[in-house]
Every structure is written in structure tokens, then in C-alpha cells.
């Protein structure tokens, strides 16, 4: 199974690499206030992809921290409601 995953990763890498090699033409990115920036297309696409990934991770992290805080509170509540250890009482009637 490990070899299959490595082959899939290698194929994916080769596809992305060939895509990057094919898209090296310069493009001009124009900003709203008149600024311009010229860079290879693959660089612009990579920056856009990374920015989207960072924004997605940041929104997911907020929910993750909220859930961890809730889990901690529930664990504390569970510990406070658990009965304390006492010596077992023998059943009535003797055995």
C-alpha cells in the first residue's frame, strides 16, 4: 500500500511540474489603485492557491480551538460529577 501511495504522489508531482513548466508566460496583475505587478503565471497561481489555503486553515482553526475549549469544559464537568471512590459495601444477607 505504501508503494501505491508513493506512485500516486509521484504522478501528482509530475503533473503539477509539467503544468508549471507550461505556464511560465508573464502576466500583469493590476491593482485597483493603479499599481501593476508582472510575474510568471504559475507564480501568480501559486500565490493565489497559498492565500486560499491559509484563509481556509484560519477559518478551520477557529472552530478547532472552540471545540477544544468545549471538550475541556465537558471533561471538567464529567470529573466533578463522577462519584468518589468508596469501599464497596457487602450485599445484605451475607454470602
C-alpha atoms as a PDB file:
ATOM      1  CA  UNK A   1       0.000   0.000   0.000  1.00  0.00           C
ATOM      2  CA  UNK A   2       2.881   2.322   0.806  1.00  0.00           C
ATOM      3  CA  UNK A   3       4.304   1.901  -2.705  1.00  0.00           C
ATOM      4  CA  UNK A   4       0.963   2.711  -4.295  1.00  0.00           C
ATOM      5  CA  UNK A   5       0.779   5.961  -2.332  1.00  0.00           C
ATOM      6  CA  UNK A   6       4.319   6.899  -3.399  1.00  0.00           C
ATOM      7  CA  UNK A   7       3.462   6.220  -7.040  1.00  0.00           C
ATOM      8  CA  UNK A   8       0.327   8.370  -6.777  1.00  0.00           C
ATOM      9  CA  UNK A   9       2.323  11.179  -5.131  1.00  0.00           C
ATOM     10  CA  UNK A  10       4.995  10.965  -7.835  1.00  0.00           C
ATOM     11  CA  UNK A  11       2.391  11.113 -10.609  1.00  0.00           C
ATOM     12  CA  UNK A  12       0.690  14.091  -8.978  1.00  0.00           C
ATOM     13  CA  UNK A  13       4.039  15.860  -8.609  1.00  0.00           C
ATOM     14  CA  UNK A  14       4.895  15.240 -12.271  1.00  0.00           C
ATOM     15  CA  UNK A  15       1.514  16.586 -13.389  1.00  0.00           C
ATOM     16  CA  UNK A  16       1.943  19.747 -11.300  1.00  0.00           C
ATOM     17  CA  UNK A  17       5.532  20.161 -12.514  1.00  0.00           C
ATOM     18  CA  UNK A  18       4.528  19.856 -16.168  1.00  0.00           C
ATOM     19  CA  UNK A  19       1.710  22.357 -15.552  1.00  0.00           C
ATOM     20  CA  UNK A  20       4.208  24.792 -14.035  1.00  0.00           C
ATOM     21  CA  UNK A  21       6.637  24.409 -16.947  1.00  0.00           C
ATOM     22  CA  UNK A  22       3.850  25.059 -19.469  1.00  0.00           C
ATOM     23  CA  UNK A  23       2.641  28.241 -17.675  1.00  0.00           C
ATOM     24  CA  UNK A  24       5.740  30.412 -17.446  1.00  0.00           C
ATOM     25  CA  UNK A  25       4.375  33.267 -19.577  1.00  0.00           C
ATOM     26  CA  UNK A  26       4.477  36.644 -17.819  1.00  0.00           C
ATOM     27  CA  UNK A  27       1.153  38.138 -16.765  1.00  0.00           C
ATOM     28  CA  UNK A  28       0.347  41.575 -15.418  1.00  0.00           C
ATOM     29  CA  UNK A  29      -1.654  41.824 -12.218  1.00  0.00           C
ATOM     30  CA  UNK A  30      -3.381  45.203 -11.981  1.00  0.00           C
ATOM     31  CA  UNK A  31      -4.483  46.594  -8.626  1.00  0.00           C
ATOM     32  CA  UNK A  32      -7.410  48.944  -8.045  1.00  0.00           C
ATOM     33  CA  UNK A  33      -5.285  51.978  -7.188  1.00  0.00           C
ATOM     34  CA  UNK A  34      -3.285  51.842 -10.407  1.00  0.00           C
ATOM     35  CA  UNK A  35      -0.465  49.592  -9.256  1.00  0.00           C
ATOM     36  CA  UNK A  36       0.779  46.824 -11.513  1.00  0.00           C
ATOM     37  CA  UNK A  37       2.881  43.735 -10.947  1.00  0.00           C
ATOM     38  CA  UNK A  38       4.305  41.488 -13.623  1.00  0.00           C
ATOM     39  CA  UNK A  39       5.175  37.878 -12.785  1.00  0.00           C
ATOM     40  CA  UNK A  40       5.034  34.396 -14.327  1.00  0.00           C
ATOM     41  CA  UNK A  41       1.536  32.928 -14.436  1.00  0.00           C
ATOM     42  CA  UNK A  42       2.479  29.930 -12.308  1.00  0.00           C
ATOM     43  CA  UNK A  43       3.774  32.235  -9.546  1.00  0.00           C
ATOM     44  CA  UNK A  44       0.532  34.221  -9.529  1.00  0.00           C
ATOM     45  CA  UNK A  45      -1.468  30.982  -9.397  1.00  0.00           C
ATOM     46  CA  UNK A  46       0.724  29.597  -6.608  1.00  0.00           C
ATOM     47  CA  UNK A  47       0.281  32.760  -4.531  1.00  0.00           C
ATOM     48  CA  UNK A  48      -3.497  32.638  -5.056  1.00  0.00           C
ATOM     49  CA  UNK A  49      -3.596  28.955  -4.070  1.00  0.00           C
ATOM     50  CA  UNK A  50      -1.492  29.543  -0.936  1.00  0.00           C
ATOM     51  CA  UNK A  51      -3.600  32.538   0.080  1.00  0.00           C
ATOM     52  CA  UNK A  52      -6.763  30.434  -0.259  1.00  0.00           C
ATOM     53  CA  UNK A  53      -5.219  27.601   1.745  1.00  0.00           C
ATOM     54  CA  UNK A  54      -4.168  29.982   4.538  1.00  0.00           C
ATOM     55  CA  UNK A  55      -7.624  31.560   4.687  1.00  0.00           C
ATOM     56  CA  UNK A  56      -9.242  28.114   4.774  1.00  0.00           C
ATOM     57  CA  UNK A  57      -6.923  26.943   7.552  1.00  0.00           C
ATOM     58  CA  UNK A  58      -7.574  30.075   9.597  1.00  0.00           C
ATOM     59  CA  UNK A  59     -11.332  29.569   9.445  1.00  0.00           C
ATOM     60  CA  UNK A  60     -10.902  25.910  10.397  1.00  0.00           C
ATOM     61  CA  UNK A  61      -8.575  26.745  13.288  1.00  0.00           C
ATOM     62  CA  UNK A  62     -11.188  28.980  14.903  1.00  0.00           C
ATOM     63  CA  UNK A  63     -13.641  26.105  15.019  1.00  0.00           C
ATOM     64  CA  UNK A  64     -10.932  23.695  16.209  1.00  0.00           C
ATOM     65  CA  UNK A  65      -9.989  25.905  19.170  1.00  0.00           C
ATOM     66  CA  UNK A  66     -13.663  26.407  20.053  1.00  0.00           C
ATOM     67  CA  UNK A  67     -14.216  22.629  20.069  1.00  0.00           C
ATOM     68  CA  UNK A  68     -11.103  22.005  22.184  1.00  0.00           C
ATOM     69  CA  UNK A  69     -12.290  24.552  24.743  1.00  0.00           C
ATOM     70  CA  UNK A  70     -15.718  22.893  24.813  1.00  0.00           C
ATOM     71  CA  UNK A  71     -14.167  19.420  25.226  1.00  0.00           C
ATOM     72  CA  UNK A  72     -12.040  20.679  28.127  1.00  0.00           C
ATOM     73  CA  UNK A  73     -15.109  22.119  29.839  1.00  0.00           C
ATOM     74  CA  UNK A  74     -17.056  18.903  29.353  1.00  0.00           C
ATOM     75  CA  UNK A  75     -14.180  16.836  30.779  1.00  0.00           C
ATOM     76  CA  UNK A  76     -14.031  19.064  33.869  1.00  0.00           C
ATOM     77  CA  UNK A  77     -17.797  18.753  34.289  1.00  0.00           C
ATOM     78  CA  UNK A  78     -17.594  14.968  33.946  1.00  0.00           C
ATOM     79  CA  UNK A  79     -14.823  14.730  36.558  1.00  0.00           C
ATOM     80  CA  UNK A  80     -16.806  16.827  39.013  1.00  0.00           C
ATOM     81  CA  UNK A  81     -19.908  14.626  38.635  1.00  0.00           C
ATOM     82  CA  UNK A  82     -18.157  11.261  38.974  1.00  0.00           C
ATOM     83  CA  UNK A  83     -18.634   9.643  42.391  1.00  0.00           C
ATOM     84  CA  UNK A  84     -15.630   9.470  44.664  1.00  0.00           C
ATOM     85  CA  UNK A  85     -14.120   6.034  45.271  1.00  0.00           C
ATOM     86  CA  UNK A  86     -15.543   4.423  48.402  1.00  0.00           C
ATOM     87  CA  UNK A  87     -15.137   0.987  49.916  1.00  0.00           C
ATOM     88  CA  UNK A  88     -17.619  -1.484  48.450  1.00  0.00           C
ATOM     89  CA  UNK A  89     -20.492  -2.398  50.724  1.00  0.00           C
ATOM     90  CA  UNK A  90     -21.130  -6.151  51.067  1.00  0.00           C
ATOM     91  CA  UNK A  91     -24.586  -7.256  49.938  1.00  0.00           C
ATOM     92  CA  UNK A  92     -27.265  -7.542  52.602  1.00  0.00           C
ATOM     93  CA  UNK A  93     -27.999 -11.043  53.868  1.00  0.00           C
ATOM     94  CA  UNK A  94     -24.404 -12.183  53.924  1.00  0.00           C
ATOM     95  CA  UNK A  95     -22.846 -14.512  51.458  1.00  0.00           C
END
